[in-house]
Structures are given as C-alpha cells and as structure tokens.
N, C-alpha and C. Protein backbone atom coordinates (compact mmCIF):
# COMPACT_ATOMS: atom_id res chain seq x y z
N UNK A 1 -18.17 10.00 -2.97
CA UNK A 1 -18.13 10.25 -1.53
C UNK A 1 -17.60 11.66 -1.31
N UNK A 2 -18.30 12.41 -0.49
CA UNK A 2 -17.85 13.77 -0.17
C UNK A 2 -17.97 14.04 1.32
N UNK A 3 -16.98 14.70 1.85
CA UNK A 3 -17.00 15.15 3.23
C UNK A 3 -16.77 16.64 3.26
N UNK A 4 -17.48 17.33 4.09
CA UNK A 4 -17.33 18.78 4.21
C UNK A 4 -17.26 19.14 5.68
N UNK A 5 -16.08 19.61 6.08
CA UNK A 5 -15.90 20.09 7.45
C UNK A 5 -16.23 21.57 7.51
N UNK A 6 -16.85 21.98 8.60
CA UNK A 6 -17.20 23.39 8.78
C UNK A 6 -17.24 23.71 10.27
N UNK A 7 -17.36 24.98 10.57
CA UNK A 7 -17.50 25.40 11.96
C UNK A 7 -16.27 26.03 12.56
N UNK A 8 -15.19 26.08 11.80
CA UNK A 8 -13.98 26.69 12.33
C UNK A 8 -14.14 28.20 12.44
N UNK A 9 -13.16 28.83 13.09
CA UNK A 9 -13.21 30.27 13.25
C UNK A 9 -12.19 30.73 14.26
N UNK A 10 -12.37 31.95 14.69
CA UNK A 10 -11.48 32.56 15.67
C UNK A 10 -12.14 32.52 17.04
N UNK A 11 -11.42 32.05 18.04
CA UNK A 11 -11.95 31.93 19.38
C UNK A 11 -10.86 32.26 20.38
N UNK A 12 -11.24 32.77 21.52
CA UNK A 12 -10.24 33.07 22.55
C UNK A 12 -9.89 31.84 23.36
N UNK A 13 -8.74 31.88 23.97
CA UNK A 13 -8.31 30.80 24.84
C UNK A 13 -9.38 30.51 25.89
N UNK A 14 -9.67 29.23 26.07
CA UNK A 14 -10.71 28.85 27.03
C UNK A 14 -12.09 28.73 26.42
N UNK A 15 -12.23 29.19 25.19
CA UNK A 15 -13.53 29.17 24.52
C UNK A 15 -13.85 27.81 23.91
N UNK A 16 -14.97 27.78 23.20
CA UNK A 16 -15.45 26.54 22.59
C UNK A 16 -15.84 26.75 21.14
N UNK A 17 -15.75 25.69 20.39
CA UNK A 17 -16.24 25.65 19.01
C UNK A 17 -16.80 24.26 18.75
N UNK A 18 -17.74 24.19 17.83
CA UNK A 18 -18.23 22.89 17.40
C UNK A 18 -18.03 22.76 15.91
N UNK A 19 -17.25 21.77 15.53
CA UNK A 19 -17.02 21.48 14.12
C UNK A 19 -18.02 20.44 13.64
N UNK A 20 -18.37 20.55 12.37
CA UNK A 20 -19.27 19.59 11.75
C UNK A 20 -18.59 18.94 10.56
N UNK A 21 -18.93 17.70 10.34
CA UNK A 21 -18.44 16.97 9.16
C UNK A 21 -19.64 16.32 8.49
N UNK A 22 -20.06 16.89 7.38
CA UNK A 22 -21.20 16.35 6.64
C UNK A 22 -20.71 15.32 5.64
N UNK A 23 -21.32 14.16 5.66
CA UNK A 23 -20.89 13.04 4.81
C UNK A 23 -21.98 12.72 3.80
N UNK A 24 -21.59 12.57 2.56
CA UNK A 24 -22.54 12.17 1.52
C UNK A 24 -21.90 11.11 0.64
N UNK A 25 -22.72 10.25 0.09
CA UNK A 25 -22.23 9.21 -0.79
C UNK A 25 -21.96 7.88 -0.12
N UNK A 26 -22.11 7.84 1.21
CA UNK A 26 -21.94 6.60 1.96
C UNK A 26 -23.14 6.47 2.89
N UNK A 27 -23.70 5.26 2.95
CA UNK A 27 -24.85 5.05 3.82
C UNK A 27 -24.48 5.19 5.28
N UNK A 28 -25.37 5.78 6.04
CA UNK A 28 -25.17 5.94 7.47
C UNK A 28 -24.91 4.59 8.12
N UNK A 29 -23.92 4.59 9.04
CA UNK A 29 -23.59 3.35 9.73
C UNK A 29 -22.60 2.47 9.00
N UNK A 30 -22.07 2.97 7.90
CA UNK A 30 -21.12 2.19 7.12
C UNK A 30 -19.73 2.82 7.07
N UNK A 31 -19.48 3.75 7.96
CA UNK A 31 -18.16 4.37 7.96
C UNK A 31 -17.80 4.81 9.37
N UNK A 32 -16.51 4.89 9.60
CA UNK A 32 -15.98 5.50 10.81
C UNK A 32 -15.43 6.87 10.42
N UNK A 33 -15.49 7.80 11.34
CA UNK A 33 -15.01 9.16 11.06
C UNK A 33 -13.89 9.52 12.02
N UNK A 34 -12.83 10.04 11.47
CA UNK A 34 -11.74 10.52 12.29
C UNK A 34 -11.57 12.02 12.12
N UNK A 35 -11.17 12.68 13.18
CA UNK A 35 -10.84 14.11 13.13
C UNK A 35 -9.33 14.27 13.28
N UNK A 36 -8.78 15.13 12.44
CA UNK A 36 -7.34 15.34 12.42
C UNK A 36 -7.06 16.84 12.43
N UNK A 37 -5.85 17.17 12.84
CA UNK A 37 -5.43 18.58 12.86
C UNK A 37 -4.08 18.70 12.16
N UNK A 38 -3.98 19.72 11.33
CA UNK A 38 -2.74 19.99 10.60
C UNK A 38 -2.22 21.35 11.00
N UNK A 39 -0.98 21.36 11.43
CA UNK A 39 -0.28 22.60 11.76
C UNK A 39 0.91 22.72 10.82
N UNK A 40 1.15 23.91 10.24
CA UNK A 40 2.28 24.05 9.32
C UNK A 40 3.58 23.56 9.92
N UNK A 41 4.28 22.74 9.14
CA UNK A 41 5.57 22.25 9.58
C UNK A 41 5.50 20.99 10.43
N UNK A 42 4.29 20.54 10.70
CA UNK A 42 4.12 19.33 11.52
C UNK A 42 3.27 18.30 10.78
N UNK A 43 3.39 17.07 11.19
CA UNK A 43 2.58 16.02 10.60
C UNK A 43 1.12 16.16 11.05
N UNK A 44 0.25 15.67 10.19
CA UNK A 44 -1.17 15.68 10.55
C UNK A 44 -1.38 14.81 11.78
N UNK A 45 -2.11 15.34 12.74
CA UNK A 45 -2.28 14.68 14.03
C UNK A 45 -3.70 14.14 14.18
N UNK A 46 -3.82 12.89 14.54
CA UNK A 46 -5.13 12.31 14.81
C UNK A 46 -5.62 12.72 16.18
N UNK A 47 -6.87 13.19 16.25
CA UNK A 47 -7.41 13.71 17.50
C UNK A 47 -8.49 12.81 18.09
N UNK A 48 -9.39 12.37 17.24
CA UNK A 48 -10.54 11.65 17.75
C UNK A 48 -11.15 10.84 16.62
N UNK A 49 -11.90 9.81 16.99
CA UNK A 49 -12.63 9.06 15.98
C UNK A 49 -13.88 8.46 16.60
N UNK A 50 -14.82 8.20 15.73
CA UNK A 50 -16.04 7.51 16.15
C UNK A 50 -16.28 6.38 15.17
N UNK A 51 -16.42 5.18 15.70
CA UNK A 51 -16.53 4.00 14.86
C UNK A 51 -17.95 3.73 14.42
N UNK A 52 -18.09 2.70 13.62
CA UNK A 52 -19.40 2.28 13.12
C UNK A 52 -20.34 1.94 14.28
N UNK A 53 -19.76 1.38 15.34
CA UNK A 53 -20.57 1.00 16.50
C UNK A 53 -20.91 2.18 17.38
N UNK A 54 -20.28 3.31 17.11
CA UNK A 54 -20.48 4.48 17.96
C UNK A 54 -19.40 4.64 19.02
N UNK A 55 -18.48 3.70 19.07
CA UNK A 55 -17.39 3.80 20.04
C UNK A 55 -16.49 4.99 19.68
N UNK A 56 -16.05 5.69 20.70
CA UNK A 56 -15.23 6.89 20.48
C UNK A 56 -13.84 6.73 21.08
N UNK A 57 -12.90 7.41 20.48
CA UNK A 57 -11.54 7.39 20.96
C UNK A 57 -10.96 8.79 20.85
N UNK A 58 -10.04 9.10 21.76
CA UNK A 58 -9.43 10.44 21.79
C UNK A 58 -7.94 10.33 22.03
N UNK A 59 -7.21 11.26 21.44
CA UNK A 59 -5.80 11.35 21.74
C UNK A 59 -5.63 11.97 23.12
N UNK A 60 -4.49 11.75 23.71
CA UNK A 60 -4.23 12.33 25.03
C UNK A 60 -4.26 13.86 24.97
N UNK A 61 -3.96 14.41 23.80
CA UNK A 61 -3.91 15.86 23.63
C UNK A 61 -5.28 16.51 23.86
N UNK A 62 -6.34 15.80 23.50
CA UNK A 62 -7.67 16.40 23.56
C UNK A 62 -8.61 15.71 24.51
N UNK A 63 -8.20 14.61 25.09
CA UNK A 63 -9.07 13.84 25.97
C UNK A 63 -9.55 14.72 27.13
N UNK A 64 -10.83 14.69 27.39
CA UNK A 64 -11.41 15.50 28.45
C UNK A 64 -11.83 16.88 28.00
N UNK A 65 -11.39 17.30 26.83
CA UNK A 65 -11.76 18.63 26.32
C UNK A 65 -12.63 18.55 25.06
N UNK A 66 -12.38 17.56 24.23
CA UNK A 66 -13.11 17.40 22.98
C UNK A 66 -14.07 16.22 23.10
N UNK A 67 -15.17 16.31 22.37
CA UNK A 67 -16.14 15.21 22.35
C UNK A 67 -16.67 15.04 20.93
N UNK A 68 -16.65 13.82 20.46
CA UNK A 68 -17.14 13.52 19.11
C UNK A 68 -18.51 12.87 19.22
N UNK A 69 -19.40 13.23 18.34
CA UNK A 69 -20.75 12.66 18.33
C UNK A 69 -21.26 12.61 16.90
N UNK A 70 -22.36 11.94 16.70
CA UNK A 70 -22.89 11.81 15.36
C UNK A 70 -24.40 11.96 15.37
N UNK A 71 -24.90 12.49 14.27
CA UNK A 71 -26.33 12.58 14.03
C UNK A 71 -26.59 11.81 12.74
N UNK A 72 -26.99 10.57 12.87
CA UNK A 72 -27.15 9.72 11.69
C UNK A 72 -28.24 10.25 10.75
N UNK A 73 -29.24 10.89 11.32
CA UNK A 73 -30.32 11.42 10.48
C UNK A 73 -29.81 12.50 9.55
N UNK A 74 -28.77 13.20 9.97
CA UNK A 74 -28.20 14.27 9.16
C UNK A 74 -26.91 13.85 8.49
N UNK A 75 -26.48 12.59 8.72
CA UNK A 75 -25.20 12.12 8.17
C UNK A 75 -24.08 13.10 8.51
N UNK A 76 -24.08 13.52 9.75
CA UNK A 76 -23.11 14.52 10.19
C UNK A 76 -22.46 14.07 11.49
N UNK A 77 -21.17 14.28 11.57
CA UNK A 77 -20.40 14.00 12.77
C UNK A 77 -19.89 15.33 13.31
N UNK A 78 -19.95 15.47 14.62
CA UNK A 78 -19.55 16.72 15.26
C UNK A 78 -18.31 16.52 16.12
N UNK A 79 -17.56 17.58 16.27
CA UNK A 79 -16.46 17.60 17.22
C UNK A 79 -16.65 18.83 18.09
N UNK A 80 -17.09 18.61 19.31
CA UNK A 80 -17.25 19.69 20.28
C UNK A 80 -15.91 19.93 20.94
N UNK A 81 -15.42 21.14 20.84
CA UNK A 81 -14.10 21.47 21.37
C UNK A 81 -14.26 22.51 22.48
N UNK A 82 -13.89 22.14 23.67
CA UNK A 82 -14.00 23.02 24.82
C UNK A 82 -12.61 23.32 25.40
N UNK A 83 -12.55 24.32 26.23
CA UNK A 83 -11.29 24.70 26.89
C UNK A 83 -10.16 24.80 25.88
N UNK A 84 -10.42 25.51 24.81
CA UNK A 84 -9.44 25.59 23.73
C UNK A 84 -8.18 26.31 24.17
N UNK A 85 -7.07 25.83 23.63
CA UNK A 85 -5.75 26.40 23.92
C UNK A 85 -5.16 26.92 22.62
N UNK A 86 -4.17 27.77 22.74
CA UNK A 86 -3.50 28.28 21.54
C UNK A 86 -2.92 27.14 20.73
N UNK A 87 -2.48 26.08 21.42
CA UNK A 87 -1.90 24.93 20.73
C UNK A 87 -2.93 24.17 19.89
N UNK A 88 -4.21 24.48 20.06
CA UNK A 88 -5.25 23.83 19.25
C UNK A 88 -5.43 24.51 17.89
N UNK A 89 -4.73 25.60 17.68
CA UNK A 89 -4.79 26.29 16.40
C UNK A 89 -4.32 25.39 15.28
N UNK A 90 -5.05 25.37 14.18
CA UNK A 90 -4.67 24.57 13.04
C UNK A 90 -5.84 24.39 12.09
N UNK A 91 -5.62 23.62 11.07
CA UNK A 91 -6.68 23.27 10.14
C UNK A 91 -7.18 21.87 10.49
N UNK A 92 -8.47 21.77 10.66
CA UNK A 92 -9.09 20.52 11.10
C UNK A 92 -9.75 19.82 9.92
N UNK A 93 -9.48 18.53 9.83
CA UNK A 93 -10.02 17.71 8.74
C UNK A 93 -10.81 16.54 9.33
N UNK A 94 -11.81 16.11 8.59
CA UNK A 94 -12.46 14.86 8.93
C UNK A 94 -12.18 13.86 7.81
N UNK A 95 -12.15 12.60 8.18
CA UNK A 95 -11.82 11.54 7.25
C UNK A 95 -12.77 10.37 7.50
N UNK A 96 -13.33 9.83 6.44
CA UNK A 96 -14.21 8.68 6.55
C UNK A 96 -13.45 7.43 6.13
N UNK A 97 -13.56 6.41 6.95
CA UNK A 97 -12.98 5.11 6.64
C UNK A 97 -14.14 4.19 6.24
N UNK A 98 -14.19 3.88 4.97
CA UNK A 98 -15.29 3.06 4.45
C UNK A 98 -14.70 1.87 3.72
N UNK A 99 -14.89 0.69 4.29
CA UNK A 99 -14.42 -0.57 3.68
C UNK A 99 -12.92 -0.50 3.37
N UNK A 100 -12.18 0.11 4.25
CA UNK A 100 -10.73 0.15 4.08
C UNK A 100 -10.21 1.31 3.26
N UNK A 101 -11.10 2.06 2.64
CA UNK A 101 -10.69 3.24 1.88
C UNK A 101 -10.93 4.50 2.72
N UNK A 102 -10.01 5.45 2.59
CA UNK A 102 -10.13 6.72 3.32
C UNK A 102 -10.57 7.82 2.38
N UNK A 103 -11.50 8.63 2.86
CA UNK A 103 -12.00 9.76 2.09
C UNK A 103 -11.84 11.01 2.95
N UNK A 104 -11.18 12.01 2.39
CA UNK A 104 -10.90 13.25 3.11
C UNK A 104 -11.72 14.39 2.53
N UNK A 105 -12.09 15.28 3.41
CA UNK A 105 -12.74 16.50 2.97
C UNK A 105 -11.80 17.68 3.13
N UNK A 106 -12.23 18.82 2.69
CA UNK A 106 -11.47 20.04 2.90
C UNK A 106 -11.51 20.39 4.38
N UNK A 107 -10.47 21.00 4.86
CA UNK A 107 -10.40 21.33 6.26
C UNK A 107 -11.10 22.63 6.60
N UNK A 108 -11.21 22.84 7.90
CA UNK A 108 -11.76 24.10 8.40
C UNK A 108 -10.75 24.66 9.40
N UNK A 109 -10.49 25.95 9.30
CA UNK A 109 -9.42 26.53 10.09
C UNK A 109 -9.91 27.00 11.45
N UNK A 110 -9.14 26.66 12.46
CA UNK A 110 -9.43 27.08 13.83
C UNK A 110 -8.24 27.90 14.34
N UNK A 111 -8.54 29.08 14.83
CA UNK A 111 -7.49 29.93 15.40
C UNK A 111 -7.89 30.28 16.83
N UNK A 112 -7.01 29.94 17.75
CA UNK A 112 -7.25 30.24 19.16
C UNK A 112 -6.29 31.36 19.58
N UNK A 113 -6.85 32.46 19.98
CA UNK A 113 -6.03 33.62 20.35
C UNK A 113 -5.99 33.78 21.87
N UNK A 114 -4.93 34.41 22.32
CA UNK A 114 -4.78 34.62 23.77
C UNK A 114 -5.53 35.87 24.21
C-alpha cells in the first residue's frame, strides 16, 4: 500500500491550494482517507476525512474553507483549501484506513505567507 500526497507550495493569505493523495495497493472503495496537518512542536492535527460511503467530515478549524473529494477512477483523494490563513502552514499528510490498519504517505508542505 502506498500513498503519495502532493500539491503543497507557497501561497499568500486568502489564496487556495489543492492537495492530492494518490492511493495504490488498495481497491477503490475499500478505504477511508484522512487529511492531517503537522506543525513543529505540536501534535498532528486531523483536518478532514472521507469515508468508504463518501461521507465527509471536517474539523472546526477548516470547516467551510476546506473540501475533501475523491476521484475513484484515479484512486485519488483531493483536499481543496480555500481562504488560507498563516495558521494553515504545515506539512500535510494523508492516511488510509483499510480494515483497521492505517497507512501513511509522505507529507507535502504548505506555507501561507502574509
């Protein structure tokens, strides 16, 4: 099982980015995907997830600004991030929950500048 997050970069406050999480090694529809953010000195924070049924959930921190979606044909899950704030700076990870096991990919760095 492999996950690869991409799409991070440098963006100004108020801007947008779309992160991608490409999943391989697990059949489409057999995993839930969560998006997390890591900031140095802080615990990894859960931001959003999309379940096997397609149901989505968001933390209060990102609700109304971020949107998670999936393209099953591409085995890819997206995180659309709008109205970015400096506090959104961090390394973003995606995690697949498959039959009770968690699989993490390498993160992608997002920097929001003022």
